[in-house]
Every structure is written in C-alpha cells, then in structure tokens.
Amino acid sequence: MSEDDQKEAEALGRDLIWTIGLITPSGPGVRQRIALAYNQAQQLVASILKDNGDGHTSTDADPACRQ
C-alpha cells in the first residue's frame, strides 16, 4: 500500500468514526432523515455518467459501453 493509499484509508476511517458518532445517539426521526439523505445520495451517484478513461462517458445501462 502506498503512502497516499494509507493516508486515504486513514481519512476514510476518521470520516466513518465521525459519521457513526452522529448516527448512534440520534433518535428515530433523525435516523430516518439520515437514511433518506443516504438513499438520495446513492441515486445521485448512480446517475453520474462514468468516464471509461477514453474520453467517452457511459452508463451501466448502455450495452455498447460494457466490457
């Protein structure tokens, strides 16, 4: 693992701990809003076109771009 990979893994770990610290003491209403926001974020990310590194973007639904 490179030094950059190590730093990224550590940053992700800190973010995860911070997120868990927010969710754990929350009540049901707050957890429901967090779940809704998470679902919306997943949908947004799924809608972003992918760059295959060749300058062309594609979606998983585009059979011409699957490899």
PDB file of N, CA and C in Angstrom:
ATOM      1  N   MET A   1       0.855  -1.175   0.000  1.00  0.00           N
ATOM      2  CA  MET A   1       0.000   0.000   0.000  1.00  0.00           C
ATOM      3  C   MET A   1       0.897   1.233   0.000  1.00  0.00           C
ATOM      4  N   SER A   2       0.597   2.154  -0.910  1.00  0.00           N
ATOM      5  CA  SER A   2       1.405   3.366  -0.996  1.00  0.00           C
ATOM      6  C   SER A   2       1.068   4.306   0.163  1.00  0.00           C
ATOM      7  N   GLU A   3       1.908   5.308   0.335  1.00  0.00           N
ATOM      8  CA  GLU A   3       1.674   6.285   1.398  1.00  0.00           C
ATOM      9  C   GLU A   3       0.368   7.040   1.162  1.00  0.00           C
ATOM     10  N   ASP A   4       0.086   7.375  -0.100  1.00  0.00           N
ATOM     11  CA  ASP A   4      -1.179   8.048  -0.421  1.00  0.00           C
ATOM     12  C   ASP A   4      -2.375   7.162  -0.103  1.00  0.00           C
ATOM     13  N   ASP A   5      -2.265   5.872  -0.417  1.00  0.00           N
ATOM     14  CA  ASP A   5      -3.344   4.932  -0.098  1.00  0.00           C
ATOM     15  C   ASP A   5      -3.559   4.855   1.410  1.00  0.00           C
ATOM     16  N   GLN A   6      -2.461   4.836   2.148  1.00  0.00           N
ATOM     17  CA  GLN A   6      -2.540   4.772   3.610  1.00  0.00           C
ATOM     18  C   GLN A   6      -3.234   6.016   4.163  1.00  0.00           C
ATOM     19  N   LYS A   7      -2.862   7.187   3.655  1.00  0.00           N
ATOM     20  CA  LYS A   7      -3.484   8.434   4.118  1.00  0.00           C
ATOM     21  C   LYS A   7      -4.974   8.461   3.785  1.00  0.00           C
ATOM     22  N   GLU A   8      -5.319   7.988   2.597  1.00  0.00           N
ATOM     23  CA  GLU A   8      -6.725   7.961   2.200  1.00  0.00           C
ATOM     24  C   GLU A   8      -7.513   7.005   3.093  1.00  0.00           C
ATOM     25  N   ALA A   9      -6.944   5.844   3.384  1.00  0.00           N
ATOM     26  CA  ALA A   9      -7.612   4.871   4.257  1.00  0.00           C
ATOM     27  C   ALA A   9      -7.811   5.457   5.659  1.00  0.00           C
ATOM     28  N   GLU A  10      -6.819   6.159   6.164  1.00  0.00           N
ATOM     29  CA  GLU A  10      -6.940   6.781   7.484  1.00  0.00           C
ATOM     30  C   GLU A  10      -8.024   7.860   7.482  1.00  0.00           C
ATOM     31  N   ALA A  11      -8.070   8.664   6.422  1.00  0.00           N
ATOM     32  CA  ALA A  11      -9.089   9.715   6.322  1.00  0.00           C
ATOM     33  C   ALA A  11     -10.487   9.102   6.249  1.00  0.00           C
ATOM     34  N   LEU A  12     -10.634   8.032   5.476  1.00  0.00           N
ATOM     35  CA  LEU A  12     -11.930   7.358   5.390  1.00  0.00           C
ATOM     36  C   LEU A  12     -12.337   6.793   6.743  1.00  0.00           C
ATOM     37  N   GLY A  13     -11.370   6.250   7.470  1.00  0.00           N
ATOM     38  CA  GLY A  13     -11.647   5.717   8.802  1.00  0.00           C
ATOM     39  C   GLY A  13     -12.116   6.807   9.756  1.00  0.00           C
ATOM     40  N   ARG A  14     -11.463   7.966   9.712  1.00  0.00           N
ATOM     41  CA  ARG A  14     -11.882   9.091  10.557  1.00  0.00           C
ATOM     42  C   ARG A  14     -13.293   9.544  10.190  1.00  0.00           C
ATOM     43  N   ASP A  15     -13.570   9.613   8.882  1.00  0.00           N
ATOM     44  CA  ASP A  15     -14.910  10.018   8.439  1.00  0.00           C
ATOM     45  C   ASP A  15     -15.966   9.027   8.909  1.00  0.00           C
ATOM     46  N   LEU A  16     -15.649   7.747   8.834  1.00  0.00           N
ATOM     47  CA  LEU A  16     -16.596   6.720   9.275  1.00  0.00           C
ATOM     48  C   LEU A  16     -16.868   6.839  10.772  1.00  0.00           C
ATOM     49  N   ILE A  17     -15.822   7.030  11.560  1.00  0.00           N
ATOM     50  CA  ILE A  17     -15.993   7.178  13.013  1.00  0.00           C
ATOM     51  C   ILE A  17     -16.834   8.409  13.324  1.00  0.00           C
ATOM     52  N   TRP A  18     -16.589   9.518  12.621  1.00  0.00           N
ATOM     53  CA  TRP A  18     -17.357  10.740  12.815  1.00  0.00           C
ATOM     54  C   TRP A  18     -18.834  10.503  12.480  1.00  0.00           C
ATOM     55  N   THR A  19     -19.077   9.819  11.365  1.00  0.00           N
ATOM     56  CA  THR A  19     -20.449   9.549  10.936  1.00  0.00           C
ATOM     57  C   THR A  19     -21.176   8.665  11.938  1.00  0.00           C
ATOM     58  N   ILE A  20     -20.512   7.628  12.391  1.00  0.00           N
ATOM     59  CA  ILE A  20     -21.125   6.738  13.387  1.00  0.00           C
ATOM     60  C   ILE A  20     -21.429   7.501  14.669  1.00  0.00           C
ATOM     61  N   GLY A  21     -20.527   8.427  15.037  1.00  0.00           N
ATOM     62  CA  GLY A  21     -20.748   9.250  16.223  1.00  0.00           C
ATOM     63  C   GLY A  21     -21.983  10.133  16.107  1.00  0.00           C
ATOM     64  N   LEU A  22     -22.333  10.525  14.901  1.00  0.00           N
ATOM     65  CA  LEU A  22     -23.548  11.317  14.702  1.00  0.00           C
ATOM     66  C   LEU A  22     -24.801  10.458  14.713  1.00  0.00           C
ATOM     67  N   ILE A  23     -24.720   9.283  14.118  1.00  0.00           N
ATOM     68  CA  ILE A  23     -25.892   8.432  13.960  1.00  0.00           C
ATOM     69  C   ILE A  23     -26.267   7.721  15.251  1.00  0.00           C
ATOM     70  N   THR A  24     -25.298   7.205  15.957  1.00  0.00           N
ATOM     71  CA  THR A  24     -25.550   6.354  17.124  1.00  0.00           C
ATOM     72  C   THR A  24     -26.455   7.000  18.170  1.00  0.00           C
ATOM     73  N   PRO A  25     -26.194   8.231  18.602  1.00  0.00           N
ATOM     74  CA  PRO A  25     -27.059   8.799  19.646  1.00  0.00           C
ATOM     75  C   PRO A  25     -28.356   9.416  19.111  1.00  0.00           C
ATOM     76  N   SER A  26     -28.572   9.372  17.825  1.00  0.00           N
ATOM     77  CA  SER A  26     -29.737  10.014  17.217  1.00  0.00           C
ATOM     78  C   SER A  26     -31.017   9.242  17.491  1.00  0.00           C
ATOM     79  N   GLY A  27     -32.110   9.977  17.519  1.00  0.00           N
ATOM     80  CA  GLY A  27     -33.416   9.361  17.687  1.00  0.00           C
ATOM     81  C   GLY A  27     -33.931   8.822  16.358  1.00  0.00           C
ATOM     82  N   PRO A  28     -35.074   8.143  16.395  1.00  0.00           N
ATOM     83  CA  PRO A  28     -35.630   7.532  15.187  1.00  0.00           C
ATOM     84  C   PRO A  28     -35.893   8.530  14.054  1.00  0.00           C
ATOM     85  N   GLY A  29     -36.368   9.726  14.383  1.00  0.00           N
ATOM     86  CA  GLY A  29     -36.655  10.716  13.353  1.00  0.00           C
ATOM     87  C   GLY A  29     -35.396  11.173  12.626  1.00  0.00           C
ATOM     88  N   VAL A  30     -34.351  11.400  13.377  1.00  0.00           N
ATOM     89  CA  VAL A  30     -33.075  11.819  12.777  1.00  0.00           C
ATOM     90  C   VAL A  30     -32.506  10.685  11.934  1.00  0.00           C
ATOM     91  N   ARG A  31     -32.559   9.462  12.451  1.00  0.00           N
ATOM     92  CA  ARG A  31     -32.053   8.320  11.667  1.00  0.00           C
ATOM     93  C   ARG A  31     -32.842   8.144  10.381  1.00  0.00           C
ATOM     94  N   GLN A  32     -34.155   8.401  10.427  1.00  0.00           N
ATOM     95  CA  GLN A  32     -34.976   8.314   9.216  1.00  0.00           C
ATOM     96  C   GLN A  32     -34.526   9.348   8.193  1.00  0.00           C
ATOM     97  N   ARG A  33     -34.267  10.588   8.639  1.00  0.00           N
ATOM     98  CA  ARG A  33     -33.792  11.631   7.721  1.00  0.00           C
ATOM     99  C   ARG A  33     -32.421  11.292   7.158  1.00  0.00           C
ATOM    100  N   ILE A  34     -31.553  10.704   7.989  1.00  0.00           N
ATOM    101  CA  ILE A  34     -30.229  10.291   7.518  1.00  0.00           C
ATOM    102  C   ILE A  34     -30.373   9.208   6.454  1.00  0.00           C
ATOM    103  N   ALA A  35     -31.260   8.242   6.702  1.00  0.00           N
ATOM    104  CA  ALA A  35     -31.469   7.151   5.734  1.00  0.00           C
ATOM    105  C   ALA A  35     -31.996   7.703   4.416  1.00  0.00           C
ATOM    106  N   LEU A  36     -32.909   8.655   4.479  1.00  0.00           N
ATOM    107  CA  LEU A  36     -33.460   9.260   3.267  1.00  0.00           C
ATOM    108  C   LEU A  36     -32.364  10.008   2.501  1.00  0.00           C
ATOM    109  N   ALA A  37     -31.552  10.785   3.221  1.00  0.00           N
ATOM    110  CA  ALA A  37     -30.463  11.518   2.571  1.00  0.00           C
ATOM    111  C   ALA A  37     -29.463  10.552   1.945  1.00  0.00           C
ATOM    112  N   TYR A  38     -29.176   9.449   2.625  1.00  0.00           N
ATOM    113  CA  TYR A  38     -28.250   8.443   2.089  1.00  0.00           C
ATOM    114  C   TYR A  38     -28.800   7.845   0.797  1.00  0.00           C
ATOM    115  N   ASN A  39     -30.096   7.524   0.813  1.00  0.00           N
ATOM    116  CA  ASN A  39     -30.733   6.961  -0.375  1.00  0.00           C
ATOM    117  C   ASN A  39     -30.687   7.951  -1.538  1.00  0.00           C
ATOM    118  N   GLN A  40     -30.965   9.210  -1.256  1.00  0.00           N
ATOM    119  CA  GLN A  40     -30.915  10.234  -2.304  1.00  0.00           C
ATOM    120  C   GLN A  40     -29.493  10.390  -2.847  1.00  0.00           C
ATOM    121  N   ALA A  41     -28.507  10.313  -1.966  1.00  0.00           N
ATOM    122  CA  ALA A  41     -27.113  10.423  -2.408  1.00  0.00           C
ATOM    123  C   ALA A  41     -26.738   9.239  -3.294  1.00  0.00           C
ATOM    124  N   GLN A  42     -27.188   8.039  -2.937  1.00  0.00           N
ATOM    125  CA  GLN A  42     -26.916   6.863  -3.766  1.00  0.00           C
ATOM    126  C   GLN A  42     -27.508   7.031  -5.160  1.00  0.00           C
ATOM    127  N   GLN A  43     -28.730   7.544  -5.221  1.00  0.00           N
ATOM    128  CA  GLN A  43     -29.375   7.755  -6.515  1.00  0.00           C
ATOM    129  C   GLN A  43     -28.624   8.793  -7.342  1.00  0.00           C
ATOM    130  N   LEU A  44     -28.158   9.849  -6.688  1.00  0.00           N
ATOM    131  CA  LEU A  44     -27.405  10.885  -7.387  1.00  0.00           C
ATOM    132  C   LEU A  44     -26.104  10.321  -7.951  1.00  0.00           C
ATOM    133  N   VAL A  45     -25.385   9.570  -7.137  1.00  0.00           N
ATOM    134  CA  VAL A  45     -24.122   8.978  -7.586  1.00  0.00           C
ATOM    135  C   VAL A  45     -24.368   8.013  -8.743  1.00  0.00           C
ATOM    136  N   ALA A  46     -25.432   7.227  -8.654  1.00  0.00           N
ATOM    137  CA  ALA A  46     -25.738   6.266  -9.713  1.00  0.00           C
ATOM    138  C   ALA A  46     -26.078   6.961 -11.029  1.00  0.00           C
ATOM    139  N   SER A  47     -26.534   8.209 -10.961  1.00  0.00           N
ATOM    140  CA  SER A  47     -26.921   8.919 -12.175  1.00  0.00           C
ATOM    141  C   SER A  47     -25.741   9.609 -12.864  1.00  0.00           C
ATOM    142  N   ILE A  48     -24.584   9.642 -12.222  1.00  0.00           N
ATOM    143  CA  ILE A  48     -23.418  10.306 -12.797  1.00  0.00           C
ATOM    144  C   ILE A  48     -22.817   9.407 -13.872  1.00  0.00           C
ATOM    145  N   LEU A  49     -22.616   9.962 -15.039  1.00  0.00           N
ATOM    146  CA  LEU A  49     -22.010   9.192 -16.129  1.00  0.00           C
ATOM    147  C   LEU A  49     -20.577   8.826 -15.771  1.00  0.00           C
ATOM    148  N   LYS A  50     -20.170   7.652 -16.208  1.00  0.00           N
ATOM    149  CA  LYS A  50     -18.829   7.161 -15.924  1.00  0.00           C
ATOM    150  C   LYS A  50     -17.897   7.504 -17.074  1.00  0.00           C
ATOM    151  N   ASP A  51     -16.673   7.846 -16.733  1.00  0.00           N
ATOM    152  CA  ASP A  51     -15.639   8.092 -17.736  1.00  0.00           C
ATOM    153  C   ASP A  51     -14.780   6.838 -17.779  1.00  0.00           C
ATOM    154  N   ASN A  52     -14.760   6.191 -18.925  1.00  0.00           N
ATOM    155  CA  ASN A  52     -14.016   4.937 -19.066  1.00  0.00           C
ATOM    156  C   ASN A  52     -12.525   5.147 -19.278  1.00  0.00           C
ATOM    157  N   GLY A  53     -12.057   6.387 -19.132  1.00  0.00           N
ATOM    158  CA  GLY A  53     -10.650   6.675 -19.320  1.00  0.00           C
ATOM    159  C   GLY A  53     -10.298   6.913 -20.772  1.00  0.00           C
ATOM    160  N   ASP A  54     -11.291   6.805 -21.648  1.00  0.00           N
ATOM    161  CA  ASP A  54     -11.026   7.011 -23.070  1.00  0.00           C
ATOM    162  C   ASP A  54     -11.702   8.281 -23.579  1.00  0.00           C
ATOM    163  N   GLY A  55     -12.165   9.115 -22.645  1.00  0.00           N
ATOM    164  CA  GLY A  55     -12.823  10.343 -23.028  1.00  0.00           C
ATOM    165  C   GLY A  55     -14.295  10.178 -23.318  1.00  0.00           C
ATOM    166  N   HIS A  56     -14.783   8.954 -23.284  1.00  0.00           N
ATOM    167  CA  HIS A  56     -16.193   8.683 -23.527  1.00  0.00           C
ATOM    168  C   HIS A  56     -16.867   8.349 -22.205  1.00  0.00           C
ATOM    169  N   THR A  57     -18.052   8.854 -22.032  1.00  0.00           N
ATOM    170  CA  THR A  57     -18.800   8.519 -20.830  1.00  0.00           C
ATOM    171  C   THR A  57     -19.852   7.480 -21.170  1.00  0.00           C
ATOM    172  N   SER A  58     -20.237   6.735 -20.168  1.00  0.00           N
ATOM    173  CA  SER A  58     -21.235   5.697 -20.380  1.00  0.00           C
ATOM    174  C   SER A  58     -22.013   5.468 -19.095  1.00  0.00           C
ATOM    175  N   THR A  59     -23.058   4.701 -19.213  1.00  0.00           N
ATOM    176  CA  THR A  59     -23.795   4.233 -18.048  1.00  0.00           C
ATOM    177  C   THR A  59     -23.811   2.719 -18.106  1.00  0.00           C
ATOM    178  N   ASP A  60     -24.104   2.101 -16.999  1.00  0.00           N
ATOM    179  CA  ASP A  60     -24.191   0.634 -16.980  1.00  0.00           C
ATOM    180  C   ASP A  60     -25.299   0.143 -17.896  1.00  0.00           C
ATOM    181  N   ALA A  61     -26.294   0.982 -18.140  1.00  0.00           N
ATOM    182  CA  ALA A  61     -27.412   0.580 -18.982  1.00  0.00           C
ATOM    183  C   ALA A  61     -27.066   0.604 -20.468  1.00  0.00           C
ATOM    184  N   ASP A  62     -25.929   1.154 -20.816  1.00  0.00           N
ATOM    185  CA  ASP A  62     -25.518   1.267 -22.226  1.00  0.00           C
ATOM    186  C   ASP A  62     -24.720   0.028 -22.610  1.00  0.00           C
ATOM    187  N   PRO A  63     -25.332  -0.959 -23.291  1.00  0.00           N
ATOM    188  CA  PRO A  63     -24.623  -2.212 -23.607  1.00  0.00           C
ATOM    189  C   PRO A  63     -23.416  -1.987 -24.513  1.00  0.00           C
ATOM    190  N   ALA A  64     -23.408  -0.921 -25.277  1.00  0.00           N
ATOM    191  CA  ALA A  64     -22.278  -0.670 -26.174  1.00  0.00           C
ATOM    192  C   ALA A  64     -21.027  -0.300 -25.402  1.00  0.00           C
ATOM    193  N   CYS A  65     -21.187   0.109 -24.156  1.00  0.00           N
ATOM    194  CA  CYS A  65     -20.031   0.545 -23.371  1.00  0.00           C
ATOM    195  C   CYS A  65     -19.568  -0.502 -22.367  1.00  0.00           C
ATOM    196  N   ARG A  66     -20.282  -1.617 -22.272  1.00  0.00           N
ATOM    197  CA  ARG A  66     -19.870  -2.684 -21.337  1.00  0.00           C
ATOM    198  C   ARG A  66     -18.701  -3.432 -21.924  1.00  0.00           C
ATOM    199  N   GLN A  67     -17.807  -3.843 -21.039  1.00  0.00           N
ATOM    200  CA  GLN A  67     -16.657  -4.630 -21.492  1.00  0.00           C
ATOM    201  C   GLN A  67     -16.476  -5.849 -20.640  1.00  0.00           C
TER     202      GLN A  67
END
